[in-house]
N, C-alpha and C. Protein backbone atom coordinates (compact mmCIF):
# COMPACT_ATOMS: atom_id res chain seq x y z
N UNK A 1 9.03 -3.96 -17.59
CA UNK A 1 8.02 -2.78 -17.75
C UNK A 1 8.85 -1.60 -16.56
N UNK A 2 8.36 -0.69 -17.18
CA UNK A 2 9.37 0.85 -16.71
C UNK A 2 8.03 1.76 -15.63
N UNK A 3 7.75 2.37 -16.62
CA UNK A 3 6.26 3.28 -15.93
C UNK A 3 4.72 3.07 -16.26
N UNK A 4 3.54 2.52 -16.30
CA UNK A 4 2.59 2.54 -17.00
C UNK A 4 1.44 3.79 -16.38
N UNK A 5 0.43 3.87 -17.24
CA UNK A 5 -0.32 5.57 -17.13
C UNK A 5 -1.09 5.56 -16.01
N UNK A 6 -1.60 6.41 -15.49
CA UNK A 6 -1.93 7.58 -14.62
C UNK A 6 -3.83 6.74 -14.40
N UNK A 7 -3.96 6.95 -13.19
CA UNK A 7 -5.51 6.56 -13.29
C UNK A 7 -6.17 7.35 -12.27
N UNK A 8 -7.05 7.67 -12.00
CA UNK A 8 -7.97 8.55 -11.03
C UNK A 8 -8.75 7.15 -10.36
N UNK A 9 -8.46 7.06 -8.77
CA UNK A 9 -9.13 5.77 -8.17
C UNK A 9 -9.86 6.74 -7.22
N UNK A 10 -11.55 6.24 -6.67
CA UNK A 10 -12.02 6.78 -6.01
C UNK A 10 -12.05 5.33 -4.35
N UNK A 11 -11.74 5.48 -3.73
CA UNK A 11 -11.57 4.20 -2.75
C UNK A 11 -12.68 3.90 -2.01
N UNK A 12 -13.14 3.81 -1.34
CA UNK A 12 -14.10 3.20 -0.14
C UNK A 12 -13.33 3.10 0.79
N UNK A 13 -14.35 2.78 2.12
CA UNK A 13 -12.84 2.31 3.28
C UNK A 13 -12.52 1.24 3.29
N UNK A 14 -11.59 0.75 4.04
CA UNK A 14 -11.32 -0.65 3.36
C UNK A 14 -10.00 -0.81 4.29
N UNK A 15 -10.25 -2.48 4.82
CA UNK A 15 -9.51 -3.16 5.80
C UNK A 15 -8.82 -3.93 5.38
N UNK A 16 -7.31 -3.62 5.75
CA UNK A 16 -5.97 -4.80 5.57
C UNK A 16 -5.76 -5.54 6.70
N UNK A 17 -5.28 -6.48 6.79
CA UNK A 17 -5.11 -7.45 7.86
C UNK A 17 -3.75 -7.84 7.25
N UNK A 18 -2.98 -7.94 7.95
CA UNK A 18 -0.90 -7.96 7.54
C UNK A 18 -0.29 -8.03 9.17
N UNK A 19 0.96 -8.24 8.46
CA UNK A 19 2.11 -7.99 9.20
C UNK A 19 2.66 -6.80 9.45
N UNK A 20 2.85 -5.76 10.38
CA UNK A 20 3.07 -4.74 10.61
C UNK A 20 4.79 -4.60 11.58
N UNK A 21 5.49 -3.71 11.19
CA UNK A 21 6.48 -3.53 11.39
C UNK A 21 6.69 -1.90 12.02
N UNK A 22 7.91 -1.50 12.05
CA UNK A 22 7.99 0.27 12.19
C UNK A 22 9.93 -0.27 11.98
N UNK A 23 10.48 0.71 11.66
CA UNK A 23 11.48 1.18 11.88
C UNK A 23 12.37 2.80 11.38
N UNK A 24 13.26 2.78 10.96
CA UNK A 24 13.52 4.00 10.47
C UNK A 24 13.66 3.94 9.35
N UNK A 25 13.21 5.05 8.59
CA UNK A 25 12.22 5.68 7.10
C UNK A 25 13.48 5.24 6.47
N UNK A 26 14.45 5.28 6.52
CA UNK A 26 15.91 5.40 5.58
C UNK A 26 15.87 4.30 5.34
N UNK A 27 15.81 3.53 6.34
CA UNK A 27 16.57 1.84 6.42
C UNK A 27 15.19 0.78 5.98
N UNK A 28 14.05 1.53 5.31
CA UNK A 28 12.91 0.27 4.93
C UNK A 28 13.75 -0.70 4.32
N UNK A 29 13.95 -0.68 3.43
CA UNK A 29 14.54 -1.38 2.19
C UNK A 29 15.27 -2.96 3.40
N UNK A 30 15.81 -2.81 4.10
CA UNK A 30 16.27 -3.71 5.37
C UNK A 30 14.72 -4.38 6.27
N UNK A 31 13.89 -3.51 6.52
CA UNK A 31 12.83 -4.18 7.12
C UNK A 31 11.43 -4.12 6.72
N UNK A 32 11.29 -3.89 5.49
CA UNK A 32 9.76 -4.08 4.87
C UNK A 32 9.79 -5.51 4.20
N UNK A 33 10.79 -5.96 3.73
CA UNK A 33 10.67 -7.10 3.06
C UNK A 33 10.51 -8.54 3.95
N UNK A 34 11.29 -8.07 5.13
CA UNK A 34 10.98 -9.29 5.96
C UNK A 34 9.20 -8.93 6.38
N UNK A 35 9.01 -7.88 6.21
CA UNK A 35 7.31 -8.36 6.97
C UNK A 35 6.28 -8.53 5.94
N UNK A 36 7.03 -8.86 4.58
CA UNK A 36 6.09 -9.82 3.74
C UNK A 36 6.85 -11.19 3.45
N UNK A 37 7.60 -11.26 3.93
CA UNK A 37 8.35 -13.07 3.82
C UNK A 37 7.30 -13.49 5.15
N UNK A 38 7.26 -12.80 6.53
CA UNK A 38 6.00 -13.23 7.86
C UNK A 38 4.77 -13.20 7.17
N UNK A 39 4.75 -12.50 6.51
CA UNK A 39 2.87 -12.04 6.03
C UNK A 39 2.48 -14.17 4.85
N UNK A 40 3.55 -14.05 3.86
CA UNK A 40 3.81 -15.06 3.28
C UNK A 40 4.22 -16.75 3.94
N UNK A 41 4.79 -16.44 4.72
CA UNK A 41 4.55 -17.86 5.66
C UNK A 41 3.74 -18.12 6.54
N UNK A 42 3.23 -16.93 6.96
CA UNK A 42 1.76 -17.17 7.63
C UNK A 42 0.70 -17.19 7.49
N UNK A 43 0.82 -16.72 6.23
CA UNK A 43 -0.86 -16.39 5.05
C UNK A 43 -1.94 -17.71 5.84
N UNK A 44 -1.92 -18.94 5.75
CA UNK A 44 -3.13 -20.00 6.11
C UNK A 44 -3.35 -19.12 6.87
N UNK A 45 -2.95 -18.51 7.96
CA UNK A 45 -3.73 -18.26 9.42
C UNK A 45 -4.72 -17.53 8.25
N UNK A 46 -4.92 -16.65 7.92
CA UNK A 46 -5.88 -15.84 7.45
C UNK A 46 -6.67 -15.92 6.41
N UNK A 47 -6.56 -17.10 5.37
CA UNK A 47 -6.81 -17.76 4.46
C UNK A 47 -8.97 -17.35 5.10
N UNK A 48 -8.93 -17.88 6.15
CA UNK A 48 -10.65 -18.78 6.69
C UNK A 48 -11.16 -16.29 6.53
N UNK A 49 -10.47 -15.58 6.76
CA UNK A 49 -10.74 -14.48 6.25
C UNK A 49 -11.63 -14.12 4.83
N UNK A 50 -11.10 -14.91 4.50
CA UNK A 50 -11.55 -14.29 2.97
C UNK A 50 -12.51 -14.26 2.08
N UNK A 51 -13.17 -14.65 2.54
CA UNK A 51 -14.76 -14.97 2.14
C UNK A 51 -14.31 -15.64 0.88
N UNK A 52 -13.99 -17.19 0.57
CA UNK A 52 -13.82 -17.78 -0.59
C UNK A 52 -13.19 -16.71 -1.59
N UNK A 53 -12.53 -15.92 -1.65
CA UNK A 53 -12.10 -15.06 -2.75
C UNK A 53 -11.39 -16.21 -3.59
N UNK A 54 -10.77 -16.10 -4.72
CA UNK A 54 -10.12 -17.00 -5.51
C UNK A 54 -8.69 -16.13 -5.85
N UNK A 55 -7.13 -16.54 -5.43
CA UNK A 55 -6.56 -16.31 -4.96
C UNK A 55 -6.22 -15.43 -6.26
N UNK A 56 -6.77 -15.18 -7.83
CA UNK A 56 -6.70 -13.80 -8.51
C UNK A 56 -7.32 -12.51 -7.86
N UNK A 57 -8.13 -12.78 -7.33
CA UNK A 57 -9.25 -11.78 -7.15
C UNK A 57 -8.40 -11.22 -5.51
N UNK A 58 -7.74 -11.41 -5.06
CA UNK A 58 -6.92 -11.07 -3.22
C UNK A 58 -6.28 -9.81 -4.22
N UNK A 59 -6.39 -8.80 -3.20
CA UNK A 59 -5.67 -7.57 -3.50
C UNK A 59 -4.94 -7.28 -2.22
N UNK A 60 -4.09 -6.95 -2.66
CA UNK A 60 -2.61 -7.75 -1.67
C UNK A 60 -2.27 -5.49 -1.28
N UNK A 61 -1.86 -5.17 -0.14
CA UNK A 61 -1.80 -3.90 0.30
C UNK A 61 -0.22 -3.62 1.15
N UNK A 62 0.56 -3.04 0.54
CA UNK A 62 1.96 -2.56 1.58
C UNK A 62 1.47 -1.51 1.85
N UNK A 63 0.97 -0.82 2.97
CA UNK A 63 0.64 0.41 3.39
C UNK A 63 1.28 1.73 4.44
N UNK A 64 1.38 1.82 4.06
CA UNK A 64 2.26 2.44 4.79
C UNK A 64 1.93 3.89 6.08
N UNK A 65 2.78 4.54 6.97
CA UNK A 65 2.16 5.83 7.29
C UNK A 65 3.67 5.87 8.46
N UNK A 66 3.37 7.05 9.01
CA UNK A 66 4.40 7.57 9.34
C UNK A 66 4.39 7.15 11.09
N UNK A 67 5.80 7.26 11.55
CA UNK A 67 5.58 6.34 13.07
C UNK A 67 4.82 7.21 13.64
N UNK A 68 4.40 8.50 13.92
CA UNK A 68 4.11 9.23 14.56
C UNK A 68 2.66 10.09 14.29
N UNK A 69 2.61 10.30 12.72
CA UNK A 69 1.04 10.61 12.32
C UNK A 69 0.11 9.60 11.40
N UNK A 70 -0.44 9.14 12.06
CA UNK A 70 -1.38 8.30 11.28
C UNK A 70 -1.63 8.55 9.67
N UNK A 71 -1.13 7.60 8.97
CA UNK A 71 -1.43 7.55 7.46
C UNK A 71 -0.29 8.63 6.71
N UNK A 72 0.13 9.43 7.58
CA UNK A 72 1.22 10.65 7.24
C UNK A 72 2.06 9.89 6.31
N UNK A 73 3.16 10.80 5.33
CA UNK A 73 4.21 10.14 4.83
C UNK A 73 5.00 9.78 5.30
N UNK A 74 6.20 9.46 5.52
CA UNK A 74 7.14 8.78 6.86
C UNK A 74 7.96 9.84 6.40
N UNK A 75 9.10 10.48 8.03
CA UNK A 75 9.61 11.11 8.57
C UNK A 75 10.93 9.94 8.76
N UNK A 76 11.08 10.53 10.38
CA UNK A 76 12.01 10.17 10.64
C UNK A 76 11.93 8.62 10.88
N UNK A 77 10.28 7.78 11.62
CA UNK A 77 10.38 6.55 11.83
C UNK A 77 9.19 6.28 10.85
N UNK A 78 9.06 5.09 10.39
CA UNK A 78 7.85 4.38 9.46
C UNK A 78 7.71 3.39 9.68
N UNK A 79 5.92 3.00 9.51
CA UNK A 79 5.10 2.00 9.68
C UNK A 79 5.11 1.05 8.54
N UNK A 80 4.38 0.02 8.28
CA UNK A 80 4.25 -1.08 6.83
C UNK A 80 3.82 -2.01 7.48
N UNK A 81 2.71 -1.52 6.35
CA UNK A 81 1.44 -3.30 6.75
C UNK A 81 1.72 -3.90 5.38
N UNK A 82 2.30 -4.95 5.75
CA UNK A 82 2.00 -5.67 4.31
C UNK A 82 1.02 -7.00 4.95
N UNK A 83 0.17 -6.60 4.00
CA UNK A 83 -1.07 -7.37 3.98
C UNK A 83 -1.95 -7.49 2.82
N UNK A 84 -3.07 -8.24 3.18
CA UNK A 84 -4.22 -8.49 2.20
C UNK A 84 -6.04 -7.91 2.89
N UNK A 85 -6.12 -7.31 1.73
CA UNK A 85 -7.90 -6.14 1.94
C UNK A 85 -8.37 -7.85 2.40
N UNK A 86 -9.67 -7.20 3.31
CA UNK A 86 -10.28 -8.30 3.97
C UNK A 86 -12.08 -7.89 4.46
N UNK A 87 -13.06 -8.80 4.30
CA UNK A 87 -14.29 -7.61 4.52
C UNK A 87 -14.38 -7.36 6.14
N UNK A 88 -15.21 -5.79 6.22
CA UNK A 88 -14.95 -5.03 7.56
C UNK A 88 -15.15 -5.91 8.81
N UNK A 89 -15.54 -6.74 8.13
CA UNK A 89 -15.98 -7.80 9.69
C UNK A 89 -15.45 -8.70 10.27
N UNK A 90 -14.19 -8.78 9.37
CA UNK A 90 -13.29 -9.97 9.72
C UNK A 90 -12.62 -9.29 11.11
N UNK A 91 -12.74 -10.92 11.54
CA UNK A 91 -11.62 -10.68 13.30
C UNK A 91 -9.83 -11.04 12.59
N UNK A 92 -9.70 -10.27 13.58
CA UNK A 92 -7.90 -10.25 13.71
C UNK A 92 -7.36 -10.82 14.35
N UNK A 93 -6.80 -11.98 13.73
CA UNK A 93 -5.89 -12.83 14.30
C UNK A 93 -4.64 -12.82 14.98
N UNK A 94 -4.70 -13.52 16.28
CA UNK A 94 -3.55 -13.18 16.97
C UNK A 94 -2.52 -12.63 16.33
N UNK A 95 -1.99 -12.32 16.74
CA UNK A 95 -0.44 -12.26 15.81
C UNK A 95 -0.14 -10.49 14.68
N UNK A 96 -1.20 -10.67 14.26
CA UNK A 96 -1.60 -10.08 12.69
C UNK A 96 -1.79 -8.32 13.34
N UNK A 97 -1.98 -7.64 12.47
CA UNK A 97 -2.40 -6.70 12.35
C UNK A 97 -3.99 -5.94 11.56
N UNK A 98 -4.32 -4.97 12.38
CA UNK A 98 -5.55 -4.72 10.80
C UNK A 98 -4.97 -2.93 10.96
N UNK A 99 -5.37 -2.65 9.87
CA UNK A 99 -5.61 -0.93 9.32
C UNK A 99 -6.55 -0.62 8.64
N UNK A 100 -7.33 0.25 9.13
CA UNK A 100 -8.73 0.30 8.72
C UNK A 100 -8.46 1.78 7.78
N UNK A 101 -8.45 1.97 6.37
CA UNK A 101 -8.23 3.36 5.49
C UNK A 101 -9.71 4.04 5.28
N UNK A 102 -9.38 5.32 5.61
CA UNK A 102 -10.58 5.83 5.11
C UNK A 102 -10.79 5.88 3.58
N UNK A 103 -11.91 6.35 2.97
CA UNK A 103 -12.48 6.68 2.16
C UNK A 103 -11.31 7.65 1.26
N UNK A 104 -10.81 8.03 0.47
CA UNK A 104 -9.70 8.36 -0.24
C UNK A 104 -9.91 8.91 -1.77
N UNK A 105 -9.11 9.27 -2.35
CA UNK A 105 -9.88 9.49 -4.15
C UNK A 105 -7.97 9.15 -4.30
N UNK A 106 -7.24 8.69 -4.84
CA UNK A 106 -5.99 8.56 -5.04
C UNK A 106 -6.07 8.60 -6.64
N UNK A 107 -4.06 9.43 -7.80
CA UNK A 107 -4.12 9.10 -8.78
C UNK A 107 -3.24 7.65 -8.59
N UNK A 108 -3.20 6.62 -9.07
CA UNK A 108 -2.38 5.71 -8.97
C UNK A 108 -1.58 5.89 -10.53
N UNK A 109 -0.25 4.63 -10.70
CA UNK A 109 0.30 4.58 -11.76
C UNK A 109 1.21 3.22 -11.62
N UNK A 110 1.24 2.38 -12.45
CA UNK A 110 2.15 1.04 -11.72
C UNK A 110 3.92 1.60 -11.88
N UNK A 111 4.34 1.09 -11.81
CA UNK A 111 6.11 1.10 -12.11
C UNK A 111 6.78 -0.51 -11.74
N UNK A 112 7.95 -0.86 -12.30
CA UNK A 112 8.30 -1.85 -11.71
C UNK A 112 9.23 -1.41 -10.68
N UNK A 113 9.45 -2.01 -9.67
CA UNK A 113 10.29 -2.52 -8.19
C UNK A 113 11.50 -1.06 -8.59
N UNK A 114 12.16 -1.39 -9.29
CA UNK A 114 13.38 -0.35 -9.60
C UNK A 114 13.15 0.87 -10.07
N UNK A 115 11.80 1.44 -10.99
CA UNK A 115 11.16 2.91 -11.09
C UNK A 115 10.44 2.88 -10.04
N UNK A 116 10.41 2.71 -9.04
CA UNK A 116 9.45 3.48 -7.98
C UNK A 116 9.72 4.51 -7.48
N UNK A 117 11.33 4.89 -7.49
CA UNK A 117 11.84 6.55 -7.04
C UNK A 117 11.51 7.37 -8.25
N UNK A 118 11.70 7.12 -9.36
CA UNK A 118 11.54 7.61 -10.91
C UNK A 118 9.95 7.98 -10.94
N UNK A 119 9.01 6.76 -10.59
CA UNK A 119 7.54 7.09 -10.78
C UNK A 119 7.22 8.03 -9.57
N UNK A 120 7.72 7.67 -8.82
CA UNK A 120 7.35 9.10 -7.26
C UNK A 120 7.56 10.32 -7.90
N UNK A 121 8.53 10.64 -8.21
CA UNK A 121 8.95 11.79 -9.30
C UNK A 121 8.35 12.18 -9.87
N UNK A 122 8.26 11.49 -10.91
CA UNK A 122 7.25 12.21 -12.13
C UNK A 122 5.61 12.15 -11.53
N UNK A 123 5.05 11.50 -10.78
CA UNK A 123 3.79 11.99 -10.43
C UNK A 123 3.96 13.62 -9.05
N UNK A 124 4.66 13.20 -8.25
CA UNK A 124 4.80 14.85 -7.41
C UNK A 124 5.83 15.78 -7.95
N UNK A 125 5.96 15.69 -8.92
CA UNK A 125 6.64 16.72 -9.82
C UNK A 125 6.51 17.23 -10.53
N UNK A 126 5.84 16.20 -11.37
CA UNK A 126 4.73 16.82 -12.49
C UNK A 126 3.74 16.67 -12.21
N UNK A 127 2.93 15.52 -12.56
CA UNK A 127 1.58 15.69 -12.46
C UNK A 127 0.66 15.89 -11.41
N UNK A 128 1.33 16.36 -10.02
CA UNK A 128 0.55 16.72 -9.41
C UNK A 128 0.60 18.63 -9.52
N UNK A 129 1.52 19.02 -9.65
CA UNK A 129 1.37 20.59 -9.80
C UNK A 129 0.78 20.98 -11.30
N UNK A 130 0.97 19.87 -12.40
CA UNK A 130 -0.14 20.27 -13.42
C UNK A 130 -1.91 20.61 -13.44
N UNK A 131 -1.67 18.99 -12.01
CA UNK A 131 -3.41 18.85 -11.92
C UNK A 131 -3.75 19.91 -10.64
N UNK A 132 -2.87 21.13 -10.06
CA UNK A 132 -3.45 21.65 -9.18
C UNK A 132 -3.72 20.93 -7.74
N UNK A 133 -2.80 19.30 -7.04
CA UNK A 133 -3.06 18.70 -6.74
C UNK A 133 -2.03 19.00 -5.62
N UNK A 134 -2.28 18.33 -3.96
CA UNK A 134 -1.42 18.01 -3.12
C UNK A 134 -1.97 16.66 -2.81
N UNK A 135 0.14 16.15 -1.84
CA UNK A 135 -0.37 14.96 -1.39
C UNK A 135 -0.93 15.44 -0.29
N UNK A 136 -1.96 14.01 -0.03
CA UNK A 136 -2.70 13.84 1.57
C UNK A 136 -3.03 13.14 2.25
N UNK A 137 -1.39 12.60 2.21
CA UNK A 137 -0.88 11.14 2.69
C UNK A 137 -0.23 10.56 2.10
N UNK A 138 -0.11 9.15 3.06
CA UNK A 138 1.46 8.21 2.59
C UNK A 138 0.90 7.76 1.38
N UNK A 139 1.72 7.52 0.59
CA UNK A 139 1.91 6.68 -0.73
C UNK A 139 1.67 5.56 -0.34
N UNK A 140 0.45 4.72 -1.07
CA UNK A 140 -0.07 3.21 -0.58
C UNK A 140 0.94 2.69 -1.68
N UNK A 141 0.82 1.31 -1.25
CA UNK A 141 1.10 -0.01 -2.67
C UNK A 141 0.49 -0.78 -2.70
N UNK A 142 0.11 -0.95 -3.86
CA UNK A 142 -1.13 -2.42 -4.39
C UNK A 142 -0.88 -3.18 -5.08
N UNK A 143 -1.04 -4.76 -5.03
CA UNK A 143 -0.64 -5.91 -5.96
C UNK A 143 -1.45 -7.14 -5.95
N UNK A 144 -1.61 -7.16 -7.09
CA UNK A 144 -2.74 -8.06 -7.73
C UNK A 144 -1.60 -9.31 -8.13
N UNK A 145 -2.70 -10.54 -7.93
CA UNK A 145 -2.08 -11.68 -8.05
C UNK A 145 -1.60 -11.77 -9.74
N UNK A 146 -2.25 -10.89 -10.62
CA UNK A 146 -1.39 -11.11 -11.90
C UNK A 146 -0.43 -10.48 -12.84
N UNK A 147 -0.18 -9.36 -11.70
CA UNK A 147 1.08 -8.32 -11.84
C UNK A 147 2.06 -8.91 -12.11
N UNK A 148 2.91 -8.79 -13.23
CA UNK A 148 4.19 -9.25 -13.23
C UNK A 148 4.89 -8.91 -12.20
N UNK A 149 6.32 -9.87 -12.34
CA UNK A 149 7.17 -9.93 -10.82
C UNK A 149 7.75 -8.77 -10.64
N UNK A 150 7.42 -8.59 -9.59
CA UNK A 150 8.40 -6.88 -9.25
C UNK A 150 6.73 -5.43 -9.69
N UNK A 151 6.02 -5.91 -9.92
CA UNK A 151 5.62 -4.61 -10.96
C UNK A 151 4.53 -4.63 -9.26
N UNK A 152 4.51 -3.12 -9.36
CA UNK A 152 3.32 -2.21 -8.70
C UNK A 152 2.87 -1.48 -8.43
N UNK A 153 1.59 -1.17 -7.89
CA UNK A 153 0.25 0.07 -8.56
C UNK A 153 0.65 1.01 -7.13
N UNK A 154 0.91 2.51 -7.06
CA UNK A 154 1.16 2.94 -5.99
C UNK A 154 -0.18 4.07 -6.34
N UNK A 155 -0.32 4.31 -5.05
CA UNK A 155 -1.65 4.93 -4.76
C UNK A 155 -1.14 6.02 -3.96
N UNK A 156 -1.50 7.38 -4.63
CA UNK A 156 -1.26 8.71 -4.28
C UNK A 156 -2.26 9.46 -3.60
N UNK A 157 -2.65 9.51 -2.05
CA UNK A 157 -3.89 10.07 -1.85
C UNK A 157 -3.54 11.74 -2.46
N UNK A 158 -4.80 12.20 -2.67
CA UNK A 158 -4.31 13.43 -3.18
C UNK A 158 -5.52 14.83 -2.75
N UNK A 159 -5.41 15.83 -2.22
CA UNK A 159 -6.77 16.99 -2.25
C UNK A 159 -6.04 17.69 -3.03
N UNK A 160 -6.92 18.97 -3.38
CA UNK A 160 -6.88 20.22 -4.61
C UNK A 160 -6.92 20.82 -4.00
N UNK A 161 -5.36 21.97 -4.33
CA UNK A 161 -4.89 23.26 -3.80
C UNK A 161 -5.75 24.11 -3.70
């Protein structure tokens, strides 16, 4: 899979509980995968929060925020939450973090892991200018259980110019 079509998605506020870390933005590839390993290893600790959802209905998120400015794109230091979307009233277990994202509008596209940079360049370099949009925050990663191995849906929050 290379890069697949662009869609517009208006998301309501959402709550994600997961494993959070922070590190140098330029070294994200060394510390972010460890958060997914932690989340997967301890997943049974949060299964009760998923309100009887079937595995195929789970929304997994890789949420990003700048270390100093909430939900802004990474600058020097980044924060990352490897987690799963839960109901708003879900309690956060000890050792887990909770992020609440506001309602936002996004342009999305799917890409294979090795094409994320190309997909980002396409979106921000061609599609956003064509549509007269500006990036309104950090790009978020969305994963669904039926996605192919290494496939990710990138969420680009936008505002009009």
